C-alpha atoms as a PDB file:
ATOM      1  CA  UNK A   1     139.921  97.262  97.607  1.00  0.00           C
ATOM      2  CA  UNK A   2     142.838  99.492  98.636  1.00  0.00           C
ATOM      3  CA  UNK A   3     142.542  98.329 102.257  1.00  0.00           C
ATOM      4  CA  UNK A   4     142.735  94.715 101.125  1.00  0.00           C
ATOM      5  CA  UNK A   5     145.807  95.487  98.997  1.00  0.00           C
ATOM      6  CA  UNK A   6     147.516  97.252 101.922  1.00  0.00           C
ATOM      7  CA  UNK A   7     146.766  94.298 104.188  1.00  0.00           C
ATOM      8  CA  UNK A   8     148.238  91.848 101.676  1.00  0.00           C
ATOM      9  CA  UNK A   9     151.372  93.967 101.225  1.00  0.00           C
ATOM     10  CA  UNK A  10     151.749  94.359 104.988  1.00  0.00           C
ATOM     11  CA  UNK A  11     151.313  90.626 105.515  1.00  0.00           C
ATOM     12  CA  UNK A  12     153.890  89.856 102.805  1.00  0.00           C
ATOM     13  CA  UNK A  13     156.401  92.285 104.336  1.00  0.00           C
ATOM     14  CA  UNK A  14     155.878  90.676 107.743  1.00  0.00           C
ATOM     15  CA  UNK A  15     156.505  87.195 106.302  1.00  0.00           C
ATOM     16  CA  UNK A  16     159.733  88.366 104.628  1.00  0.00           C
ATOM     17  CA  UNK A  17     160.935  90.114 107.802  1.00  0.00           C
ATOM     18  CA  UNK A  18     160.179  87.049 109.883  1.00  0.00           C
ATOM     19  CA  UNK A  19     161.930  84.771 107.375  1.00  0.00           C
ATOM     20  CA  UNK A  20     165.012  87.014 107.351  1.00  0.00           C
ATOM     21  CA  UNK A  21     165.018  87.074 111.152  1.00  0.00           C
ATOM     22  CA  UNK A  22     164.762  83.273 111.364  1.00  0.00           C
ATOM     23  CA  UNK A  23     167.543  82.840 108.782  1.00  0.00           C
ATOM     24  CA  UNK A  24     169.793  85.200 110.766  1.00  0.00           C
ATOM     25  CA  UNK A  25     169.195  83.232 113.967  1.00  0.00           C
ATOM     26  CA  UNK A  26     170.015  79.936 112.245  1.00  0.00           C
ATOM     27  CA  UNK A  27     173.184  81.305 110.603  1.00  0.00           C
ATOM     28  CA  UNK A  28     174.414  82.757 113.907  1.00  0.00           C
ATOM     29  CA  UNK A  29     173.584  79.425 115.534  1.00  0.00           C
ATOM     30  CA  UNK A  30     175.646  77.541 112.963  1.00  0.00           C
ATOM     31  CA  UNK A  31     178.659  79.818 113.518  1.00  0.00           C
ATOM     32  CA  UNK A  32     178.397  79.581 117.308  1.00  0.00           C
ATOM     33  CA  UNK A  33     178.081  75.788 117.265  1.00  0.00           C
ATOM     34  CA  UNK A  34     181.016  75.638 114.831  1.00  0.00           C
ATOM     35  CA  UNK A  35     183.174  77.624 117.269  1.00  0.00           C
ATOM     36  CA  UNK A  36     182.176  75.319 120.126  1.00  0.00           C
ATOM     37  CA  UNK A  37     182.989  72.201 118.154  1.00  0.00           C
ATOM     38  CA  UNK A  38     186.160  73.186 116.260  1.00  0.00           C
ATOM     39  CA  UNK A  39     187.571  75.630 118.807  1.00  0.00           C
ATOM     40  CA  UNK A  40     186.989  73.500 121.904  1.00  0.00           C
ATOM     41  CA  UNK A  41     185.461  70.014 121.682  1.00  0.00           C
ATOM     42  CA  UNK A  42     186.761  68.332 118.533  1.00  0.00           C
ATOM     43  CA  UNK A  43     190.535  68.959 118.891  1.00  0.00           C
ATOM     44  CA  UNK A  44     190.406  67.735 122.490  1.00  0.00           C
ATOM     45  CA  UNK A  45     188.165  64.695 121.852  1.00  0.00           C
ATOM     46  CA  UNK A  46     185.410  65.941 124.146  1.00  0.00           C
ATOM     47  CA  UNK A  47     181.778  64.822 124.016  1.00  0.00           C
ATOM     48  CA  UNK A  48     178.373  66.387 124.567  1.00  0.00           C
ATOM     49  CA  UNK A  49     174.905  64.978 125.177  1.00  0.00           C
ATOM     50  CA  UNK A  50     172.058  64.440 122.732  1.00  0.00           C
ATOM     51  CA  UNK A  51     172.383  63.646 119.040  1.00  0.00           C
ATOM     52  CA  UNK A  52     175.506  65.805 118.830  1.00  0.00           C
ATOM     53  CA  UNK A  53     177.012  63.656 121.569  1.00  0.00           C
ATOM     54  CA  UNK A  54     176.217  60.499 119.580  1.00  0.00           C
ATOM     55  CA  UNK A  55     177.921  61.994 116.509  1.00  0.00           C
ATOM     56  CA  UNK A  56     180.986  62.995 118.540  1.00  0.00           C
ATOM     57  CA  UNK A  57     181.149  59.547 120.189  1.00  0.00           C
ATOM     58  CA  UNK A  58     181.032  57.745 116.825  1.00  0.00           C
ATOM     59  CA  UNK A  59     183.661  60.159 115.471  1.00  0.00           C
ATOM     60  CA  UNK A  60     185.999  59.414 118.391  1.00  0.00           C
ATOM     61  CA  UNK A  61     185.595  55.648 118.003  1.00  0.00           C
ATOM     62  CA  UNK A  62     185.529  55.229 114.198  1.00  0.00           C
ATOM     63  CA  UNK A  63     187.271  58.397 112.938  1.00  0.00           C
ATOM     64  CA  UNK A  64     184.434  58.927 110.415  1.00  0.00           C
ATOM     65  CA  UNK A  65     184.447  62.685 109.618  1.00  0.00           C
ATOM     66  CA  UNK A  66     182.058  64.567 111.887  1.00  0.00           C
ATOM     67  CA  UNK A  67     180.369  66.602 109.089  1.00  0.00           C
ATOM     68  CA  UNK A  68     179.041  63.372 107.559  1.00  0.00           C
ATOM     69  CA  UNK A  69     177.984  62.005 110.939  1.00  0.00           C
ATOM     70  CA  UNK A  70     176.075  65.145 111.923  1.00  0.00           C
ATOM     71  CA  UNK A  71     173.920  64.857 108.794  1.00  0.00           C
ATOM     72  CA  UNK A  72     173.513  61.064 108.840  1.00  0.00           C
ATOM     73  CA  UNK A  73     172.722  60.699 112.559  1.00  0.00           C
ATOM     74  CA  UNK A  74     170.202  63.554 112.415  1.00  0.00           C
ATOM     75  CA  UNK A  75     168.339  62.283 109.324  1.00  0.00           C
ATOM     76  CA  UNK A  76     165.954  59.984 111.278  1.00  0.00           C
ATOM     77  CA  UNK A  77     165.135  62.856 113.643  1.00  0.00           C
ATOM     78  CA  UNK A  78     164.489  65.214 110.721  1.00  0.00           C
ATOM     79  CA  UNK A  79     162.089  62.606 109.359  1.00  0.00           C
ATOM     80  CA  UNK A  80     160.360  62.468 112.744  1.00  0.00           C
ATOM     81  CA  UNK A  81     160.208  66.262 112.832  1.00  0.00           C
ATOM     82  CA  UNK A  82     158.502  66.257 109.433  1.00  0.00           C
ATOM     83  CA  UNK A  83     155.685  64.107 110.827  1.00  0.00           C
ATOM     84  CA  UNK A  84     155.578  65.332 114.433  1.00  0.00           C
ATOM     85  CA  UNK A  85     156.067  69.096 113.975  1.00  0.00           C
ATOM     86  CA  UNK A  86     155.786  70.435 110.407  1.00  0.00           C
ATOM     87  CA  UNK A  87     157.297  70.312 106.941  1.00  0.00           C
ATOM     88  CA  UNK A  88     158.842  73.785 107.292  1.00  0.00           C
ATOM     89  CA  UNK A  89     160.422  72.814 110.606  1.00  0.00           C
ATOM     90  CA  UNK A  90     162.004  69.757 108.972  1.00  0.00           C
ATOM     91  CA  UNK A  91     163.292  71.815 106.021  1.00  0.00           C
ATOM     92  CA  UNK A  92     164.830  74.492 108.261  1.00  0.00           C
ATOM     93  CA  UNK A  93     166.351  71.816 110.480  1.00  0.00           C
ATOM     94  CA  UNK A  94     167.869  69.990 107.490  1.00  0.00           C
ATOM     95  CA  UNK A  95     169.322  73.219 106.079  1.00  0.00           C
ATOM     96  CA  UNK A  96     170.707  74.171 109.508  1.00  0.00           C
ATOM     97  CA  UNK A  97     172.369  70.788 110.019  1.00  0.00           C
ATOM     98  CA  UNK A  98     173.853  70.828 106.493  1.00  0.00           C
ATOM     99  CA  UNK A  99     175.088  74.378 107.170  1.00  0.00           C
ATOM    100  CA  UNK A 100     176.755  73.205 110.385  1.00  0.00           C
ATOM    101  CA  UNK A 101     178.393  70.304 108.546  1.00  0.00           C
ATOM    102  CA  UNK A 102     179.743  72.712 105.898  1.00  0.00           C
ATOM    103  CA  UNK A 103     180.982  75.061 108.636  1.00  0.00           C
ATOM    104  CA  UNK A 104     182.896  72.243 110.337  1.00  0.00           C
ATOM    105  CA  UNK A 105     184.317  70.960 107.047  1.00  0.00           C
ATOM    106  CA  UNK A 106     185.478  74.215 105.476  1.00  0.00           C
ATOM    107  CA  UNK A 107     185.757  77.030 108.033  1.00  0.00           C
ATOM    108  CA  UNK A 108     189.070  77.119 109.868  1.00  0.00           C
ATOM    109  CA  UNK A 109     188.701  77.847 113.594  1.00  0.00           C
ATOM    110  CA  UNK A 110     191.893  77.693 115.696  1.00  0.00           C
ATOM    111  CA  UNK A 111     192.147  75.736 118.934  1.00  0.00           C
ATOM    112  CA  UNK A 112     191.205  78.182 121.692  1.00  0.00           C
ATOM    113  CA  UNK A 113     192.323  76.309 124.821  1.00  0.00           C
ATOM    114  CA  UNK A 114     193.579  72.945 126.050  1.00  0.00           C
ATOM    115  CA  UNK A 115     192.375  73.385 129.633  1.00  0.00           C
ATOM    116  CA  UNK A 116     189.829  70.615 130.240  1.00  0.00           C
ATOM    117  CA  UNK A 117     187.554  72.643 132.486  1.00  0.00           C
ATOM    118  CA  UNK A 118     187.477  75.582 130.064  1.00  0.00           C
ATOM    119  CA  UNK A 119     186.826  73.202 127.166  1.00  0.00           C
ATOM    120  CA  UNK A 120     183.835  71.623 128.922  1.00  0.00           C
ATOM    121  CA  UNK A 121     182.306  74.915 130.085  1.00  0.00           C
ATOM    122  CA  UNK A 122     182.910  77.158 127.072  1.00  0.00           C
ATOM    123  CA  UNK A 123     182.636  74.412 124.476  1.00  0.00           C
ATOM    124  CA  UNK A 124     179.209  73.644 125.927  1.00  0.00           C
ATOM    125  CA  UNK A 125     178.399  77.357 126.060  1.00  0.00           C
ATOM    126  CA  UNK A 126     179.080  78.014 122.361  1.00  0.00           C
ATOM    127  CA  UNK A 127     177.432  74.772 121.275  1.00  0.00           C
ATOM    128  CA  UNK A 128     174.381  75.486 123.447  1.00  0.00           C
ATOM    129  CA  UNK A 129     174.187  79.054 122.132  1.00  0.00           C
ATOM    130  CA  UNK A 130     174.209  77.677 118.591  1.00  0.00           C
ATOM    131  CA  UNK A 131     171.424  75.199 119.295  1.00  0.00           C
ATOM    132  CA  UNK A 132     169.402  77.855 121.165  1.00  0.00           C
ATOM    133  CA  UNK A 133     169.729  80.388 118.342  1.00  0.00           C
ATOM    134  CA  UNK A 134     168.647  77.799 115.789  1.00  0.00           C
ATOM    135  CA  UNK A 135     165.583  77.017 117.910  1.00  0.00           C
ATOM    136  CA  UNK A 136     164.782  80.747 117.983  1.00  0.00           C
ATOM    137  CA  UNK A 137     164.965  80.563 114.175  1.00  0.00           C
ATOM    138  CA  UNK A 138     162.429  77.734 114.017  1.00  0.00           C
ATOM    139  CA  UNK A 139     164.769  74.766 113.540  1.00  0.00           C
ATOM    140  CA  UNK A 140     167.187  72.649 115.553  1.00  0.00           C
ATOM    141  CA  UNK A 141     170.803  71.532 115.217  1.00  0.00           C
ATOM    142  CA  UNK A 142     170.233  68.548 117.522  1.00  0.00           C
ATOM    143  CA  UNK A 143     167.327  66.145 117.076  1.00  0.00           C
ATOM    144  CA  UNK A 144     167.089  64.962 120.699  1.00  0.00           C
ATOM    145  CA  UNK A 145     164.002  67.056 121.458  1.00  0.00           C
ATOM    146  CA  UNK A 146     162.213  65.724 118.366  1.00  0.00           C
ATOM    147  CA  UNK A 147     162.845  62.114 119.436  1.00  0.00           C
ATOM    148  CA  UNK A 148     161.800  62.925 122.994  1.00  0.00           C
ATOM    149  CA  UNK A 149     158.549  64.480 121.734  1.00  0.00           C
ATOM    150  CA  UNK A 150     157.786  61.389 119.655  1.00  0.00           C
ATOM    151  CA  UNK A 151     158.484  58.909 122.486  1.00  0.00           C
ATOM    152  CA  UNK A 152     156.504  60.980 125.012  1.00  0.00           C
ATOM    153  CA  UNK A 153     153.432  60.754 122.773  1.00  0.00           C
ATOM    154  CA  UNK A 154     153.748  56.958 122.564  1.00  0.00           C
ATOM    155  CA  UNK A 155     154.667  56.163 126.186  1.00  0.00           C
ATOM    156  CA  UNK A 156     154.101  57.352 129.754  1.00  0.00           C
ATOM    157  CA  UNK A 157     157.468  59.175 129.789  1.00  0.00           C
ATOM    158  CA  UNK A 158     157.650  62.963 129.615  1.00  0.00           C
ATOM    159  CA  UNK A 159     159.940  64.851 127.216  1.00  0.00           C
ATOM    160  CA  UNK A 160     162.319  65.591 130.120  1.00  0.00           C
ATOM    161  CA  UNK A 161     162.413  61.911 131.133  1.00  0.00           C
ATOM    162  CA  UNK A 162     163.324  60.818 127.609  1.00  0.00           C
ATOM    163  CA  UNK A 163     166.112  63.402 127.259  1.00  0.00           C
ATOM    164  CA  UNK A 164     167.619  62.295 130.588  1.00  0.00           C
ATOM    165  CA  UNK A 165     167.456  58.599 129.609  1.00  0.00           C
ATOM    166  CA  UNK A 166     169.089  59.289 126.217  1.00  0.00           C
ATOM    167  CA  UNK A 167     171.951  61.202 127.817  1.00  0.00           C
ATOM    168  CA  UNK A 168     172.478  58.606 130.557  1.00  0.00           C
ATOM    169  CA  UNK A 169     172.897  55.977 127.814  1.00  0.00           C
ATOM    170  CA  UNK A 170     175.327  58.201 125.865  1.00  0.00           C
ATOM    171  CA  UNK A 171     177.451  58.968 128.928  1.00  0.00           C
ATOM    172  CA  UNK A 172     177.386  55.317 129.984  1.00  0.00           C
ATOM    173  CA  UNK A 173     178.607  54.149 126.572  1.00  0.00           C
ATOM    174  CA  UNK A 174     181.296  56.859 126.610  1.00  0.00           C
ATOM    175  CA  UNK A 175     182.505  55.692 130.023  1.00  0.00           C
ATOM    176  CA  UNK A 176     182.600  52.058 128.836  1.00  0.00           C
ATOM    177  CA  UNK A 177     184.226  52.562 125.418  1.00  0.00           C
ATOM    178  CA  UNK A 178     186.505  55.498 126.181  1.00  0.00           C
ATOM    179  CA  UNK A 179     187.198  56.606 129.738  1.00  0.00           C
ATOM    180  CA  UNK A 180     185.171  57.518 132.826  1.00  0.00           C
ATOM    181  CA  UNK A 181     186.816  60.942 132.877  1.00  0.00           C
ATOM    182  CA  UNK A 182     185.621  61.576 129.323  1.00  0.00           C
ATOM    183  CA  UNK A 183     182.056  60.773 130.371  1.00  0.00           C
ATOM    184  CA  UNK A 184     182.274  63.084 133.401  1.00  0.00           C
ATOM    185  CA  UNK A 185     183.535  65.985 131.305  1.00  0.00           C
ATOM    186  CA  UNK A 186     180.792  65.207 128.758  1.00  0.00           C
ATOM    187  CA  UNK A 187     178.211  65.650 131.535  1.00  0.00           C
ATOM    188  CA  UNK A 188     179.722  69.022 132.407  1.00  0.00           C
ATOM    189  CA  UNK A 189     179.673  70.054 128.743  1.00  0.00           C
ATOM    190  CA  UNK A 190     176.040  68.988 128.450  1.00  0.00           C
ATOM    191  CA  UNK A 191     175.048  70.942 131.575  1.00  0.00           C
ATOM    192  CA  UNK A 192     176.763  74.059 130.229  1.00  0.00           C
ATOM    193  CA  UNK A 193     175.070  73.646 126.835  1.00  0.00           C
ATOM    194  CA  UNK A 194     171.589  73.005 128.267  1.00  0.00           C
ATOM    195  CA  UNK A 195     171.745  76.037 130.577  1.00  0.00           C
ATOM    196  CA  UNK A 196     172.879  78.208 127.669  1.00  0.00           C
ATOM    197  CA  UNK A 197     170.010  76.916 125.512  1.00  0.00           C
ATOM    198  CA  UNK A 198     167.521  77.842 128.248  1.00  0.00           C
ATOM    199  CA  UNK A 199     169.055  81.312 128.546  1.00  0.00           C
ATOM    200  CA  UNK A 200     169.008  81.927 124.782  1.00  0.00           C
ATOM    201  CA  UNK A 201     165.394  80.781 124.419  1.00  0.00           C
ATOM    202  CA  UNK A 202     163.876  82.301 127.556  1.00  0.00           C
ATOM    203  CA  UNK A 203     166.336  85.113 128.349  1.00  0.00           C
ATOM    204  CA  UNK A 204     167.200  86.616 131.709  1.00  0.00           C
ATOM    205  CA  UNK A 205     163.657  87.954 132.080  1.00  0.00           C
ATOM    206  CA  UNK A 206     162.078  84.546 132.485  1.00  0.00           C
ATOM    207  CA  UNK A 207     158.409  85.135 133.182  1.00  0.00           C
ATOM    208  CA  UNK A 208     156.409  83.736 136.077  1.00  0.00           C
ATOM    209  CA  UNK A 209     152.628  83.658 136.331  1.00  0.00           C
ATOM    210  CA  UNK A 210     151.401  84.598 139.807  1.00  0.00           C
ATOM    211  CA  UNK A 211     147.900  83.856 141.154  1.00  0.00           C
ATOM    212  CA  UNK A 212     146.926  85.665 144.363  1.00  0.00           C
ATOM    213  CA  UNK A 213     143.871  84.919 146.509  1.00  0.00           C
ATOM    214  CA  UNK A 214     143.312  87.463 149.270  1.00  0.00           C
ATOM    215  CA  UNK A 215     140.612  89.440 151.036  1.00  0.00           C
ATOM    216  CA  UNK A 216     142.696  92.541 150.239  1.00  0.00           C
ATOM    217  CA  UNK A 217     142.457  91.991 146.490  1.00  0.00           C
ATOM    218  CA  UNK A 218     141.742  95.650 145.670  1.00  0.00           C
ATOM    219  CA  UNK A 219     144.805  96.903 147.564  1.00  0.00           C
ATOM    220  CA  UNK A 220     146.966  94.218 145.932  1.00  0.00           C
ATOM    221  CA  UNK A 221     145.625  95.082 142.479  1.00  0.00           C
ATOM    222  CA  UNK A 222     146.463  98.752 142.988  1.00  0.00           C
ATOM    223  CA  UNK A 223     149.943  97.901 144.292  1.00  0.00           C
ATOM    224  CA  UNK A 224     150.805  95.723 141.267  1.00  0.00           C
ATOM    225  CA  UNK A 225     149.657  98.409 138.823  1.00  0.00           C
ATOM    226  CA  UNK A 226     150.958 101.508 140.586  1.00  0.00           C
ATOM    227  CA  UNK A 227     154.123 100.292 142.331  1.00  0.00           C
ATOM    228  CA  UNK A 228     155.255  97.504 140.013  1.00  0.00           C
ATOM    229  CA  UNK A 229     153.933  98.815 136.714  1.00  0.00           C
ATOM    230  CA  UNK A 230     152.403  95.493 135.698  1.00  0.00           C
ATOM    231  CA  UNK A 231     149.001  94.579 134.331  1.00  0.00           C
ATOM    232  CA  UNK A 232     146.594  92.311 136.174  1.00  0.00           C
ATOM    233  CA  UNK A 233     143.578  90.168 135.363  1.00  0.00           C
ATOM    234  CA  UNK A 234     140.778  89.730 137.901  1.00  0.00           C
ATOM    235  CA  UNK A 235     138.831  86.467 138.026  1.00  0.00           C
ATOM    236  CA  UNK A 236     135.561  86.139 139.864  1.00  0.00           C
ATOM    237  CA  UNK A 237     135.772  83.200 142.231  1.00  0.00           C
ATOM    238  CA  UNK A 238     134.012  81.500 145.154  1.00  0.00           C
ATOM    239  CA  UNK A 239     135.586  80.120 148.290  1.00  0.00           C
ATOM    240  CA  UNK A 240     135.515  76.395 148.948  1.00  0.00           C
ATOM    241  CA  UNK A 241     137.095  74.793 152.010  1.00  0.00           C
ATOM    242  CA  UNK A 242     139.796  76.729 153.860  1.00  0.00           C
ATOM    243  CA  UNK A 243     141.313  77.264 157.308  1.00  0.00           C
ATOM    244  CA  UNK A 244     137.971  78.423 158.640  1.00  0.00           C
ATOM    245  CA  UNK A 245     136.128  75.395 157.317  1.00  0.00           C
ATOM    246  CA  UNK A 246     133.483  75.292 154.621  1.00  0.00           C
ATOM    247  CA  UNK A 247     132.811  78.707 153.069  1.00  0.00           C
ATOM    248  CA  UNK A 248     130.689  79.999 150.221  1.00  0.00           C
ATOM    249  CA  UNK A 249     131.809  83.632 149.846  1.00  0.00           C
ATOM    250  CA  UNK A 250     132.526  85.358 146.566  1.00  0.00           C
ATOM    251  CA  UNK A 251     136.057  86.679 146.060  1.00  0.00           C
ATOM    252  CA  UNK A 252     138.347  88.158 143.427  1.00  0.00           C
ATOM    253  CA  UNK A 253     141.340  86.169 142.209  1.00  0.00           C
ATOM    254  CA  UNK A 254     144.261  88.222 140.889  1.00  0.00           C
ATOM    255  CA  UNK A 255     146.507  86.957 138.100  1.00  0.00           C
ATOM    256  CA  UNK A 256     149.630  88.757 136.887  1.00  0.00           C
ATOM    257  CA  UNK A 257     152.824  87.980 134.961  1.00  0.00           C
ATOM    258  CA  UNK A 258     156.190  89.138 136.338  1.00  0.00           C
ATOM    259  CA  UNK A 259     159.840  88.513 135.647  1.00  0.00           C
ATOM    260  CA  UNK A 260     161.637  86.374 138.204  1.00  0.00           C
ATOM    261  CA  UNK A 261     163.629  89.460 139.227  1.00  0.00           C
ATOM    262  CA  UNK A 262     160.403  91.097 140.444  1.00  0.00           C
ATOM    263  CA  UNK A 263     159.109  88.220 142.555  1.00  0.00           C
ATOM    264  CA  UNK A 264     160.902  89.269 145.734  1.00  0.00           C
ATOM    265  CA  UNK A 265     159.479  92.797 145.489  1.00  0.00           C
ATOM    266  CA  UNK A 266     155.986  91.340 145.080  1.00  0.00           C
ATOM    267  CA  UNK A 267     156.539  89.089 148.093  1.00  0.00           C
ATOM    268  CA  UNK A 268     157.666  92.059 150.217  1.00  0.00           C
ATOM    269  CA  UNK A 269     154.635  94.115 149.215  1.00  0.00           C
ATOM    270  CA  UNK A 270     152.249  91.235 149.897  1.00  0.00           C
ATOM    271  CA  UNK A 271     153.779  90.788 153.353  1.00  0.00           C
ATOM    272  CA  UNK A 272     152.766  94.393 154.110  1.00  0.00           C
ATOM    273  CA  UNK A 273     149.258  94.250 152.621  1.00  0.00           C
ATOM    274  CA  UNK A 274     148.181  90.711 153.519  1.00  0.00           C
ATOM    275  CA  UNK A 275     150.699  88.245 155.033  1.00  0.00           C
ATOM    276  CA  UNK A 276     148.055  85.484 154.842  1.00  0.00           C
ATOM    277  CA  UNK A 277     147.481  85.840 151.083  1.00  0.00           C
ATOM    278  CA  UNK A 278     147.472  82.541 149.177  1.00  0.00           C
ATOM    279  CA  UNK A 279     150.031  82.828 146.341  1.00  0.00           C
ATOM    280  CA  UNK A 280     150.711  80.379 143.500  1.00  0.00           C
ATOM    281  CA  UNK A 281     153.696  80.816 141.153  1.00  0.00           C
ATOM    282  CA  UNK A 282     154.018  79.053 137.806  1.00  0.00           C
ATOM    283  CA  UNK A 283     156.930  79.140 135.361  1.00  0.00           C
ATOM    284  CA  UNK A 284     155.996  80.360 131.875  1.00  0.00           C
ATOM    285  CA  UNK A 285     157.958  79.353 128.798  1.00  0.00           C
ATOM    286  CA  UNK A 286     156.692  82.124 126.537  1.00  0.00           C
ATOM    287  CA  UNK A 287     154.485  85.194 126.723  1.00  0.00           C
ATOM    288  CA  UNK A 288     152.905  87.104 123.856  1.00  0.00           C
ATOM    289  CA  UNK A 289     150.548  90.076 123.760  1.00  0.00           C
ATOM    290  CA  UNK A 290     148.913  91.650 126.785  1.00  0.00           C
ATOM    291  CA  UNK A 291     150.643  93.975 129.253  1.00  0.00           C
ATOM    292  CA  UNK A 292     154.100  92.367 129.180  1.00  0.00           C
ATOM    293  CA  UNK A 293     156.247  95.483 129.125  1.00  0.00           C
ATOM    294  CA  UNK A 294     156.292  97.532 132.300  1.00  0.00           C
ATOM    295  CA  UNK A 295     154.093 100.610 132.552  1.00  0.00           C
ATOM    296  CA  UNK A 296     155.907 103.903 133.196  1.00  0.00           C
ATOM    297  CA  UNK A 297     155.726 104.545 136.929  1.00  0.00           C
ATOM    298  CA  UNK A 298     155.028 108.056 138.239  1.00  0.00           C
END
């Protein structure tokens, strides 16, 4: 009975901590996006990609206040998120977007620079940081990814294809209705924002899964554990068809997860142990559990 009570209390505390953490991420995201918009993009009539870019484009053409546009343009994507992701995702997204609209409407942020290159780069940086932080908090401030997810499930296009097509249309319309230079700077802003989003979500220690097939599997396993301080998983495998023709030998397949900063060290060590080792590298978006943190090396 007491154990059950402790488990319930521990679970409740975890939920509250996680909720507070998510709320903090979303609030920081709103403030960062507000700085990017009011301190860089809005006063200089710059654009971005995605749903935010659509809102900015409509604002530049019609002069409808951006806070209203951010909410109105995102409403269909929030509705999609409700059906495609979850109810809680849609609620957090709606609250985040309303918070951003309030930030733009009522918080005074001075113009930081009028240099076009700095506006594109740092405006995109702060806006991307805001969107990335909101994603870390379980919501979004831009519904492009939700639309892309929906279309990818209904067509042969991938999420990446859809996002590219949407932004090509936005930049094309901007070039036609405004000026080609505006569209070019919008592309630069979008690139800055998208790279910042990737950095915020994945961090500098972006993980890579590495599969190694070698006759020196035991030496490689020891090297990864002892020299690199990483965990490994050994799969039992069987050879198929290789350089020496058809084979049927048993072998051990090594799998490990490293940061991209450690890949060169692994490559150097493999060159010493077995230059002919067959190595496959795969990007990993997220890693949880297991031996992720490095072991203390002696």
